[in-house]
Amino acid sequence: MKVDMDERAEKLAVENDKLRGRVDALQQELRKLKKEEKSAVTRRREEKSLKPYQAELIKLQNHLEKTHMKMIILFEGRDAAGKGGTIRRVTRYMNEKAYRVVALGKPSDVERTQWYFQRYVQHFPSSGKIVLFDRSWYNRAVVEPVFGFCSSEEYHHFMDEVTGFEKNLVKSGVILLKLYFSVTRDEQAHRFDRRKTDPLRQWKLSEIDMQAQERWDDFTLQKYRMLKVTHTPLNPWTIIRSNDKYLARLNAIKVILNSVNYEGRDETLDHAMDPNIVISGARELELMEAERIRSGKFSD
């Protein structure tokens, strides 16, 4: 009798352990679902808060068309810095006939023999139009030298030529905005990890992306050199801190809206940019140089 009771007690203990395990798993799943639901609610709230500014972008677009002005917006920054997501929010409600997004791949054999800027110039806007470059001619300032895709001579020739090229653009009547999205190393690693495990994002992960963390310091040095030469009074860089995707998107839209005195501007909206998110190229250089003095190297 005692043996039977001991066996039953042991079986009950095992069953209790299994039951506790199931309960713990269910509680963990419930916490995960609540977190996802909260995240989804937050995202919907954030997307809704962007709509008044997206409506302003339509007004800006109409103003450019009415006044025959042309705009080029460059979206630069490290991989997974949020460039593509911001472009999608900027263009979501725009008139598709009056803007284009340009994201060029590797140059063809013929393009390699041409003037470097030629493949970009052919996509420039006509009167009343906006062109948004998802990476631009500044590939030659950062990505290409880091990975050895251009020679030292090609790199230096570009750096000597680009400010004059942009000066002529602006003199011809083009509104040129240069946005650099700046993400921290840890946040980039987190976004890469998410891309690896999310089947809806895996297509974003390239072989070059896989090397971005290893070459972090190389990218930072090239970013510094780029800003040092190409941040000018006529064509300045605007740095967008993009660890928080929503704040980066909102403030990038504000930068665009504040670049033109367009008709019908809604003055009840807060057009002020967050100084913790939007940094001038000159200030970014100061911060990078101060960090190099303090720690012996740049940080991003």
C-alpha atoms as a PDB file:
ATOM      1  CA  MET A   1       0.000   0.000   0.000  1.00  0.00           C
ATOM      2  CA  LYS A   2       2.799   2.434   0.952  1.00  0.00           C
ATOM      3  CA  VAL A   3       4.627   1.662  -2.310  1.00  0.00           C
ATOM      4  CA  ASP A   4       1.481   2.413  -4.322  1.00  0.00           C
ATOM      5  CA  MET A   5       0.991   5.719  -2.511  1.00  0.00           C
ATOM      6  CA  ASP A   6       4.625   6.692  -3.095  1.00  0.00           C
ATOM      7  CA  GLU A   7       4.310   5.888  -6.798  1.00  0.00           C
ATOM      8  CA  ARG A   8       1.087   7.906  -7.064  1.00  0.00           C
ATOM      9  CA  ALA A   9       2.725  10.825  -5.220  1.00  0.00           C
ATOM     10  CA  GLU A  10       5.698  10.669  -7.567  1.00  0.00           C
ATOM     11  CA  LYS A  11       3.425  10.617 -10.618  1.00  0.00           C
ATOM     12  CA  LEU A  12       1.445  13.551  -9.243  1.00  0.00           C
ATOM     13  CA  ALA A  13       4.662  15.503  -8.688  1.00  0.00           C
ATOM     14  CA  VAL A  14       5.730  14.824 -12.288  1.00  0.00           C
ATOM     15  CA  GLU A  15       2.309  15.870 -13.575  1.00  0.00           C
ATOM     16  CA  ASN A  16       2.428  19.017 -11.449  1.00  0.00           C
ATOM     17  CA  ASP A  17       5.853  19.869 -12.879  1.00  0.00           C
ATOM     18  CA  LYS A  18       4.519  19.395 -16.416  1.00  0.00           C
ATOM     19  CA  LEU A  19       1.462  21.495 -15.594  1.00  0.00           C
ATOM     20  CA  ARG A  20       3.603  24.292 -14.148  1.00  0.00           C
ATOM     21  CA  GLY A  21       5.734  24.161 -17.283  1.00  0.00           C
ATOM     22  CA  ARG A  22       2.655  24.532 -19.473  1.00  0.00           C
ATOM     23  CA  VAL A  23       1.350  27.387 -17.330  1.00  0.00           C
ATOM     24  CA  ASP A  24       4.721  29.157 -17.514  1.00  0.00           C
ATOM     25  CA  ALA A  25       4.791  28.703 -21.287  1.00  0.00           C
ATOM     26  CA  LEU A  26       1.233  30.047 -21.618  1.00  0.00           C
ATOM     27  CA  GLN A  27       2.031  33.033 -19.402  1.00  0.00           C
ATOM     28  CA  GLN A  28       5.134  33.755 -21.448  1.00  0.00           C
ATOM     29  CA  GLU A  29       3.133  33.527 -24.673  1.00  0.00           C
ATOM     30  CA  LEU A  30       0.464  35.803 -23.178  1.00  0.00           C
ATOM     31  CA  ARG A  31       3.091  38.389 -22.215  1.00  0.00           C
ATOM     32  CA  LYS A  32       4.484  38.193 -25.733  1.00  0.00           C
ATOM     33  CA  LEU A  33       1.036  38.693 -27.282  1.00  0.00           C
ATOM     34  CA  LYS A  34       0.308  41.644 -24.973  1.00  0.00           C
ATOM     35  CA  LYS A  35       3.648  43.199 -25.889  1.00  0.00           C
ATOM     36  CA  GLU A  36       2.967  42.709 -29.612  1.00  0.00           C
ATOM     37  CA  GLU A  37      -0.538  44.160 -29.211  1.00  0.00           C
ATOM     38  CA  LYS A  38       0.837  47.170 -27.338  1.00  0.00           C
ATOM     39  CA  SER A  39       3.510  47.592 -30.005  1.00  0.00           C
ATOM     40  CA  ALA A  40       0.892  47.412 -32.769  1.00  0.00           C
ATOM     41  CA  VAL A  41      -1.283  50.008 -31.007  1.00  0.00           C
ATOM     42  CA  THR A  42       1.746  52.278 -30.604  1.00  0.00           C
ATOM     43  CA  ARG A  43       2.659  51.895 -34.268  1.00  0.00           C
ATOM     44  CA  ARG A  44      -0.894  52.740 -35.360  1.00  0.00           C
ATOM     45  CA  ARG A  45      -0.866  55.810 -33.118  1.00  0.00           C
ATOM     46  CA  GLU A  46       2.491  56.899 -34.542  1.00  0.00           C
ATOM     47  CA  GLU A  47       1.398  56.383 -38.134  1.00  0.00           C
ATOM     48  CA  LYS A  48      -1.754  58.401 -37.455  1.00  0.00           C
ATOM     49  CA  SER A  49       0.287  61.255 -35.962  1.00  0.00           C
ATOM     50  CA  LEU A  50       2.318  61.482 -39.186  1.00  0.00           C
ATOM     51  CA  LYS A  51      -0.748  62.103 -41.371  1.00  0.00           C
ATOM     52  CA  PRO A  52      -1.063  65.884 -40.808  1.00  0.00           C
ATOM     53  CA  TYR A  53       2.566  66.263 -41.904  1.00  0.00           C
ATOM     54  CA  GLN A  54       2.036  63.969 -44.867  1.00  0.00           C
ATOM     55  CA  ALA A  55      -0.852  66.227 -45.863  1.00  0.00           C
ATOM     56  CA  GLU A  56       1.580  69.151 -45.701  1.00  0.00           C
ATOM     57  CA  LEU A  57       3.904  67.276 -48.062  1.00  0.00           C
ATOM     58  CA  ILE A  58       1.102  67.201 -50.626  1.00  0.00           C
ATOM     59  CA  LYS A  59       0.781  70.994 -50.290  1.00  0.00           C
ATOM     60  CA  LEU A  60       4.536  71.308 -50.777  1.00  0.00           C
ATOM     61  CA  GLN A  61       4.337  69.076 -53.836  1.00  0.00           C
ATOM     62  CA  ASN A  62       1.529  71.192 -55.305  1.00  0.00           C
ATOM     63  CA  HIS A  63       3.527  74.361 -54.619  1.00  0.00           C
ATOM     64  CA  LEU A  64       6.577  72.978 -56.447  1.00  0.00           C
ATOM     65  CA  GLU A  65       4.411  72.092 -59.428  1.00  0.00           C
ATOM     66  CA  LYS A  66       2.734  75.516 -59.460  1.00  0.00           C
ATOM     67  CA  THR A  67       6.029  77.416 -59.208  1.00  0.00           C
ATOM     68  CA  HIS A  68       7.947  75.053 -61.553  1.00  0.00           C
ATOM     69  CA  MET A  69      10.542  74.301 -58.892  1.00  0.00           C
ATOM     70  CA  LYS A  70      12.596  71.080 -58.703  1.00  0.00           C
ATOM     71  CA  MET A  71      13.671  69.188 -55.599  1.00  0.00           C
ATOM     72  CA  ILE A  72      16.251  66.443 -55.002  1.00  0.00           C
ATOM     73  CA  ILE A  73      16.438  64.711 -51.620  1.00  0.00           C
ATOM     74  CA  LEU A  74      19.380  62.447 -50.806  1.00  0.00           C
ATOM     75  CA  PHE A  75      18.871  59.724 -48.196  1.00  0.00           C
ATOM     76  CA  GLU A  76      22.233  58.499 -46.966  1.00  0.00           C
ATOM     77  CA  GLY A  77      23.419  56.561 -43.929  1.00  0.00           C
ATOM     78  CA  ARG A  78      24.496  53.132 -42.777  1.00  0.00           C
ATOM     79  CA  ASP A  79      22.625  49.954 -43.641  1.00  0.00           C
ATOM     80  CA  ALA A  80      19.468  49.504 -41.527  1.00  0.00           C
ATOM     81  CA  ALA A  81      19.516  53.193 -40.525  1.00  0.00           C
ATOM     82  CA  GLY A  82      15.897  53.693 -41.609  1.00  0.00           C
ATOM     83  CA  LYS A  83      16.268  55.386 -44.993  1.00  0.00           C
ATOM     84  CA  GLY A  84      13.780  53.207 -46.869  1.00  0.00           C
ATOM     85  CA  GLY A  85      11.104  53.370 -44.172  1.00  0.00           C
ATOM     86  CA  THR A  86      11.353  57.149 -44.074  1.00  0.00           C
ATOM     87  CA  ILE A  87      11.090  57.413 -47.855  1.00  0.00           C
ATOM     88  CA  ARG A  88       7.920  55.321 -47.759  1.00  0.00           C
ATOM     89  CA  ARG A  89       6.368  57.641 -45.163  1.00  0.00           C
ATOM     90  CA  VAL A  90       7.371  60.744 -47.107  1.00  0.00           C
ATOM     91  CA  THR A  91       5.838  59.507 -50.361  1.00  0.00           C
ATOM     92  CA  ARG A  92       2.846  57.533 -49.018  1.00  0.00           C
ATOM     93  CA  TYR A  93       0.157  60.069 -50.007  1.00  0.00           C
ATOM     94  CA  MET A  94       2.023  62.051 -52.640  1.00  0.00           C
ATOM     95  CA  ASN A  95       0.909  62.323 -56.245  1.00  0.00           C
ATOM     96  CA  GLU A  96       2.827  59.494 -57.912  1.00  0.00           C
ATOM     97  CA  LYS A  97       3.088  61.465 -61.145  1.00  0.00           C
ATOM     98  CA  ALA A  98       5.114  64.215 -59.467  1.00  0.00           C
ATOM     99  CA  TYR A  99       7.810  62.243 -57.646  1.00  0.00           C
ATOM    100  CA  ARG A 100      10.200  59.330 -58.205  1.00  0.00           C
ATOM    101  CA  VAL A 101      12.274  57.208 -55.865  1.00  0.00           C
ATOM    102  CA  VAL A 102      15.638  56.237 -57.329  1.00  0.00           C
ATOM    103  CA  ALA A 103      17.675  53.373 -55.885  1.00  0.00           C
ATOM    104  CA  LEU A 104      20.395  52.446 -58.346  1.00  0.00           C
ATOM    105  CA  GLY A 105      22.166  49.113 -58.329  1.00  0.00           C
ATOM    106  CA  LYS A 106      25.722  48.350 -59.363  1.00  0.00           C
ATOM    107  CA  PRO A 107      26.864  50.349 -62.420  1.00  0.00           C
ATOM    108  CA  SER A 108      26.917  48.484 -65.723  1.00  0.00           C
ATOM    109  CA  ASP A 109      30.111  48.012 -67.725  1.00  0.00           C
ATOM    110  CA  VAL A 110      29.070  50.925 -69.936  1.00  0.00           C
ATOM    111  CA  GLU A 111      28.296  53.169 -66.944  1.00  0.00           C
ATOM    112  CA  ARG A 112      31.738  52.439 -65.497  1.00  0.00           C
ATOM    113  CA  THR A 113      33.273  54.138 -68.541  1.00  0.00           C
ATOM    114  CA  GLN A 114      31.104  57.268 -68.217  1.00  0.00           C
ATOM    115  CA  TRP A 115      31.399  60.400 -66.116  1.00  0.00           C
ATOM    116  CA  TYR A 116      30.611  59.207 -62.585  1.00  0.00           C
ATOM    117  CA  PHE A 117      27.622  61.537 -62.060  1.00  0.00           C
ATOM    118  CA  GLN A 118      26.028  60.689 -65.411  1.00  0.00           C
ATOM    119  CA  ARG A 119      23.996  57.711 -64.170  1.00  0.00           C
ATOM    120  CA  TYR A 120      22.453  59.944 -61.502  1.00  0.00           C
ATOM    121  CA  VAL A 121      21.892  63.013 -63.683  1.00  0.00           C
ATOM    122  CA  GLN A 122      19.609  61.073 -66.027  1.00  0.00           C
ATOM    123  CA  HIS A 123      17.173  60.631 -63.112  1.00  0.00           C
ATOM    124  CA  PHE A 124      17.071  64.305 -62.124  1.00  0.00           C
ATOM    125  CA  PRO A 125      13.625  65.923 -61.825  1.00  0.00           C
ATOM    126  CA  SER A 126      11.952  68.030 -64.442  1.00  0.00           C
ATOM    127  CA  SER A 127       9.958  71.167 -63.587  1.00  0.00           C
ATOM    128  CA  GLY A 128       7.631  70.746 -60.603  1.00  0.00           C
ATOM    129  CA  LYS A 129       8.913  67.295 -59.670  1.00  0.00           C
ATOM    130  CA  ILE A 130      10.695  65.678 -56.691  1.00  0.00           C
ATOM    131  CA  VAL A 131      13.296  62.911 -56.880  1.00  0.00           C
ATOM    132  CA  LEU A 132      14.284  60.998 -53.769  1.00  0.00           C
ATOM    133  CA  PHE A 133      17.572  59.085 -53.960  1.00  0.00           C
ATOM    134  CA  ASP A 134      17.766  56.011 -51.721  1.00  0.00           C
ATOM    135  CA  ARG A 135      21.565  56.265 -51.645  1.00  0.00           C
ATOM    136  CA  SER A 136      23.127  58.571 -54.177  1.00  0.00           C
ATOM    137  CA  TRP A 137      26.425  59.651 -55.676  1.00  0.00           C
ATOM    138  CA  TYR A 138      27.758  59.607 -52.114  1.00  0.00           C
ATOM    139  CA  ASN A 139      28.243  55.860 -52.483  1.00  0.00           C
ATOM    140  CA  ARG A 140      31.656  56.887 -53.765  1.00  0.00           C
ATOM    141  CA  ALA A 141      32.399  58.805 -50.579  1.00  0.00           C
ATOM    142  CA  VAL A 142      31.608  55.990 -48.132  1.00  0.00           C
ATOM    143  CA  VAL A 143      30.563  52.527 -49.344  1.00  0.00           C
ATOM    144  CA  GLU A 144      32.879  52.208 -52.344  1.00  0.00           C
ATOM    145  CA  PRO A 145      36.162  53.104 -50.584  1.00  0.00           C
ATOM    146  CA  VAL A 146      35.269  50.939 -47.552  1.00  0.00           C
ATOM    147  CA  PHE A 147      34.752  47.848 -49.722  1.00  0.00           C
ATOM    148  CA  GLY A 148      37.377  48.661 -52.345  1.00  0.00           C
ATOM    149  CA  PHE A 149      34.821  49.231 -55.124  1.00  0.00           C
ATOM    150  CA  CYS A 150      36.710  52.298 -56.362  1.00  0.00           C
ATOM    151  CA  SER A 151      40.363  53.232 -56.626  1.00  0.00           C
ATOM    152  CA  SER A 152      42.010  55.867 -54.456  1.00  0.00           C
ATOM    153  CA  GLU A 153      42.269  58.075 -57.538  1.00  0.00           C
ATOM    154  CA  GLU A 154      38.545  57.723 -58.284  1.00  0.00           C
ATOM    155  CA  TYR A 155      37.675  58.514 -54.684  1.00  0.00           C
ATOM    156  CA  HIS A 156      39.817  61.665 -54.528  1.00  0.00           C
ATOM    157  CA  HIS A 157      38.588  62.833 -57.921  1.00  0.00           C
ATOM    158  CA  PHE A 158      35.007  62.518 -56.669  1.00  0.00           C
ATOM    159  CA  MET A 159      35.760  64.436 -53.471  1.00  0.00           C
ATOM    160  CA  ASP A 160      37.386  67.212 -55.490  1.00  0.00           C
ATOM    161  CA  GLU A 161      34.458  67.442 -57.887  1.00  0.00           C
ATOM    162  CA  VAL A 162      31.281  66.867 -55.840  1.00  0.00           C
ATOM    163  CA  THR A 163      30.934  70.267 -54.141  1.00  0.00           C
ATOM    164  CA  GLY A 164      31.223  72.050 -57.483  1.00  0.00           C
ATOM    165  CA  PHE A 165      28.731  69.653 -59.012  1.00  0.00           C
ATOM    166  CA  GLU A 166      26.214  70.393 -56.241  1.00  0.00           C
ATOM    167  CA  LYS A 167      26.881  74.130 -56.404  1.00  0.00           C
ATOM    168  CA  ASN A 168      25.936  74.117 -60.085  1.00  0.00           C
ATOM    169  CA  LEU A 169      22.786  72.114 -59.278  1.00  0.00           C
ATOM    170  CA  VAL A 170      21.584  74.715 -56.800  1.00  0.00           C
ATOM    171  CA  LYS A 171      22.511  77.585 -59.116  1.00  0.00           C
ATOM    172  CA  SER A 172      20.347  75.987 -61.798  1.00  0.00           C
ATOM    173  CA  GLY A 173      17.340  76.226 -59.459  1.00  0.00           C
ATOM    174  CA  VAL A 174      17.283  72.766 -57.859  1.00  0.00           C
ATOM    175  CA  ILE A 175      16.408  72.509 -54.151  1.00  0.00           C
ATOM    176  CA  LEU A 176      18.934  69.986 -52.812  1.00  0.00           C
ATOM    177  CA  LEU A 177      18.461  68.352 -49.407  1.00  0.00           C
ATOM    178  CA  LYS A 178      21.133  66.004 -48.046  1.00  0.00           C
ATOM    179  CA  LEU A 179      19.937  63.796 -45.172  1.00  0.00           C
ATOM    180  CA  TYR A 180      22.262  61.399 -43.341  1.00  0.00           C
ATOM    181  CA  PHE A 181      20.558  58.825 -41.091  1.00  0.00           C
ATOM    182  CA  SER A 182      22.742  57.978 -38.116  1.00  0.00           C
ATOM    183  CA  VAL A 183      22.131  54.786 -36.125  1.00  0.00           C
ATOM    184  CA  THR A 184      24.218  53.355 -33.278  1.00  0.00           C
ATOM    185  CA  ARG A 185      26.208  50.161 -33.611  1.00  0.00           C
ATOM    186  CA  ASP A 186      24.041  48.265 -31.115  1.00  0.00           C
ATOM    187  CA  GLU A 187      20.817  49.319 -32.816  1.00  0.00           C
ATOM    188  CA  GLN A 188      22.151  48.328 -36.232  1.00  0.00           C
ATOM    189  CA  ALA A 189      23.095  44.897 -34.844  1.00  0.00           C
ATOM    190  CA  HIS A 190      19.590  44.540 -33.360  1.00  0.00           C
ATOM    191  CA  ARG A 191      17.975  45.367 -36.710  1.00  0.00           C
ATOM    192  CA  PHE A 192      20.241  42.930 -38.549  1.00  0.00           C
ATOM    193  CA  ASP A 193      19.310  40.169 -36.071  1.00  0.00           C
ATOM    194  CA  ARG A 194      15.647  40.877 -36.696  1.00  0.00           C
ATOM    195  CA  ARG A 195      16.176  40.651 -40.436  1.00  0.00           C
ATOM    196  CA  LYS A 196      17.838  37.254 -40.035  1.00  0.00           C
ATOM    197  CA  THR A 197      14.863  35.762 -38.195  1.00  0.00           C
ATOM    198  CA  ASP A 198      11.944  37.581 -39.848  1.00  0.00           C
ATOM    199  CA  PRO A 199      11.012  36.001 -43.214  1.00  0.00           C
ATOM    200  CA  LEU A 200       9.351  39.269 -44.259  1.00  0.00           C
ATOM    201  CA  ARG A 201      12.630  41.162 -43.783  1.00  0.00           C
ATOM    202  CA  GLN A 202      15.252  38.627 -44.859  1.00  0.00           C
ATOM    203  CA  TRP A 203      15.356  40.053 -48.377  1.00  0.00           C
ATOM    204  CA  LYS A 204      16.828  43.256 -46.904  1.00  0.00           C
ATOM    205  CA  LEU A 205      19.923  41.443 -45.622  1.00  0.00           C
ATOM    206  CA  SER A 206      22.771  41.458 -48.142  1.00  0.00           C
ATOM    207  CA  GLU A 207      26.340  40.197 -48.041  1.00  0.00           C
ATOM    208  CA  ILE A 208      27.540  43.776 -47.585  1.00  0.00           C
ATOM    209  CA  ASP A 209      25.146  44.190 -44.649  1.00  0.00           C
ATOM    210  CA  MET A 210      26.772  41.187 -42.981  1.00  0.00           C
ATOM    211  CA  GLN A 211      30.114  43.012 -43.039  1.00  0.00           C
ATOM    212  CA  ALA A 212      28.772  46.374 -41.831  1.00  0.00           C
ATOM    213  CA  GLN A 213      29.397  45.635 -38.159  1.00  0.00           C
ATOM    214  CA  GLU A 214      32.944  44.403 -38.770  1.00  0.00           C
ATOM    215  CA  ARG A 215      33.769  47.524 -40.762  1.00  0.00           C
ATOM    216  CA  TRP A 216      32.000  49.942 -38.424  1.00  0.00           C
ATOM    217  CA  ASP A 217      35.070  52.075 -37.749  1.00  0.00           C
ATOM    218  CA  ASP A 218      35.923  52.233 -41.473  1.00  0.00           C
ATOM    219  CA  PHE A 219      32.434  53.547 -42.221  1.00  0.00           C
ATOM    220  CA  THR A 220      32.728  56.098 -39.417  1.00  0.00           C
ATOM    221  CA  LEU A 221      36.033  57.414 -40.768  1.00  0.00           C
ATOM    222  CA  GLN A 222      34.590  57.760 -44.269  1.00  0.00           C
ATOM    223  CA  LYS A 223      31.517  59.500 -42.881  1.00  0.00           C
ATOM    224  CA  TYR A 224      33.778  62.022 -41.139  1.00  0.00           C
ATOM    225  CA  ARG A 225      35.821  62.654 -44.285  1.00  0.00           C
ATOM    226  CA  MET A 226      32.635  63.082 -46.314  1.00  0.00           C
ATOM    227  CA  LEU A 227      31.153  65.620 -43.900  1.00  0.00           C
ATOM    228  CA  LYS A 228      34.439  67.479 -43.587  1.00  0.00           C
ATOM    229  CA  VAL A 229      34.620  68.131 -47.331  1.00  0.00           C
ATOM    230  CA  THR A 230      31.012  68.181 -48.509  1.00  0.00           C
ATOM    231  CA  HIS A 231      29.137  69.960 -45.693  1.00  0.00           C
ATOM    232  CA  THR A 232      29.088  73.472 -47.127  1.00  0.00           C
ATOM    233  CA  PRO A 233      27.013  76.624 -46.418  1.00  0.00           C
ATOM    234  CA  LEU A 234      25.309  76.274 -49.795  1.00  0.00           C
ATOM    235  CA  ASN A 235      24.718  72.516 -49.594  1.00  0.00           C
ATOM    236  CA  PRO A 236      24.777  71.439 -45.944  1.00  0.00           C
ATOM    237  CA  TRP A 237      24.213  67.997 -44.508  1.00  0.00           C
ATOM    238  CA  THR A 238      21.417  67.358 -42.019  1.00  0.00           C
ATOM    239  CA  ILE A 239      22.001  64.454 -39.641  1.00  0.00           C
ATOM    240  CA  ILE A 240      18.950  62.476 -38.490  1.00  0.00           C
ATOM    241  CA  ARG A 241      19.430  60.395 -35.345  1.00  0.00           C
ATOM    242  CA  SER A 242      17.454  57.289 -36.278  1.00  0.00           C
ATOM    243  CA  ASN A 243      17.576  54.823 -33.381  1.00  0.00           C
ATOM    244  CA  ASP A 244      13.910  55.714 -32.870  1.00  0.00           C
ATOM    245  CA  LYS A 245      12.350  55.116 -36.291  1.00  0.00           C
ATOM    246  CA  TYR A 246       9.205  57.113 -35.631  1.00  0.00           C
ATOM    247  CA  LEU A 247      11.031  60.224 -34.415  1.00  0.00           C
ATOM    248  CA  ALA A 248      13.457  59.955 -37.325  1.00  0.00           C
ATOM    249  CA  ARG A 249      10.597  59.795 -39.829  1.00  0.00           C
ATOM    250  CA  LEU A 250       8.674  62.651 -38.240  1.00  0.00           C
ATOM    251  CA  ASN A 251      11.681  64.940 -38.046  1.00  0.00           C
ATOM    252  CA  ALA A 252      12.908  64.100 -41.544  1.00  0.00           C
ATOM    253  CA  ILE A 253       9.485  65.135 -42.868  1.00  0.00           C
ATOM    254  CA  LYS A 254       9.760  68.378 -40.899  1.00  0.00           C
ATOM    255  CA  VAL A 255      13.194  69.048 -42.430  1.00  0.00           C
ATOM    256  CA  ILE A 256      11.678  68.685 -45.900  1.00  0.00           C
ATOM    257  CA  LEU A 257       8.675  70.879 -45.076  1.00  0.00           C
ATOM    258  CA  ASN A 258      10.872  73.603 -43.581  1.00  0.00           C
ATOM    259  CA  SER A 259      13.045  73.745 -46.707  1.00  0.00           C
ATOM    260  CA  VAL A 260      10.340  75.500 -48.767  1.00  0.00           C
ATOM    261  CA  ASN A 261       7.982  78.372 -47.969  1.00  0.00           C
ATOM    262  CA  TYR A 262       4.992  76.672 -49.591  1.00  0.00           C
ATOM    263  CA  GLU A 263       1.441  77.973 -49.876  1.00  0.00           C
ATOM    264  CA  GLY A 264      -1.223  76.916 -47.390  1.00  0.00           C
ATOM    265  CA  ARG A 265       1.174  75.910 -44.636  1.00  0.00           C
ATOM    266  CA  ASP A 266      -0.737  74.811 -41.527  1.00  0.00           C
ATOM    267  CA  GLU A 267       0.677  77.034 -38.811  1.00  0.00           C
ATOM    268  CA  THR A 268      -1.217  75.138 -36.106  1.00  0.00           C
ATOM    269  CA  LEU A 269       1.118  72.178 -36.618  1.00  0.00           C
ATOM    270  CA  ASP A 270       4.375  71.945 -34.697  1.00  0.00           C
ATOM    271  CA  HIS A 271       7.012  72.360 -37.408  1.00  0.00           C
ATOM    272  CA  ALA A 272       9.891  72.659 -34.924  1.00  0.00           C
ATOM    273  CA  MET A 273      12.499  69.941 -35.250  1.00  0.00           C
ATOM    274  CA  ASP A 274      13.715  67.976 -32.240  1.00  0.00           C
ATOM    275  CA  PRO A 275      17.319  69.110 -31.539  1.00  0.00           C
ATOM    276  CA  ASN A 276      18.081  65.649 -30.156  1.00  0.00           C
ATOM    277  CA  ILE A 277      17.122  64.081 -33.492  1.00  0.00           C
ATOM    278  CA  VAL A 278      18.086  66.692 -36.091  1.00  0.00           C
ATOM    279  CA  ILE A 279      21.743  67.751 -36.004  1.00  0.00           C
ATOM    280  CA  SER A 280      23.563  70.021 -38.428  1.00  0.00           C
ATOM    281  CA  GLY A 281      26.505  68.575 -40.302  1.00  0.00           C
ATOM    282  CA  ALA A 282      28.767  71.155 -38.650  1.00  0.00           C
ATOM    283  CA  ARG A 283      27.618  70.105 -35.169  1.00  0.00           C
ATOM    284  CA  GLU A 284      28.110  66.438 -36.035  1.00  0.00           C
ATOM    285  CA  LEU A 285      31.693  67.175 -37.052  1.00  0.00           C
ATOM    286  CA  GLU A 286      32.267  68.952 -33.730  1.00  0.00           C
ATOM    287  CA  LEU A 287      30.868  65.984 -31.802  1.00  0.00           C
ATOM    288  CA  MET A 288      32.944  63.479 -33.763  1.00  0.00           C
ATOM    289  CA  GLU A 289      36.134  65.482 -33.312  1.00  0.00           C
ATOM    290  CA  ALA A 290      35.488  65.889 -29.577  1.00  0.00           C
ATOM    291  CA  GLU A 291      34.970  62.130 -29.261  1.00  0.00           C
ATOM    292  CA  ARG A 292      38.214  61.448 -31.111  1.00  0.00           C
ATOM    293  CA  ILE A 293      40.096  63.717 -28.668  1.00  0.00           C
ATOM    294  CA  ARG A 294      38.409  62.081 -25.680  1.00  0.00           C
ATOM    295  CA  SER A 295      38.680  58.420 -26.617  1.00  0.00           C
ATOM    296  CA  GLY A 296      41.265  58.346 -29.380  1.00  0.00           C
ATOM    297  CA  LYS A 297      38.817  57.380 -32.119  1.00  0.00           C
ATOM    298  CA  PHE A 298      35.543  58.428 -33.704  1.00  0.00           C
ATOM    299  CA  SER A 299      32.204  57.111 -32.581  1.00  0.00           C
ATOM    300  CA  ASP A 300      28.941  57.328 -34.517  1.00  0.00           C
END
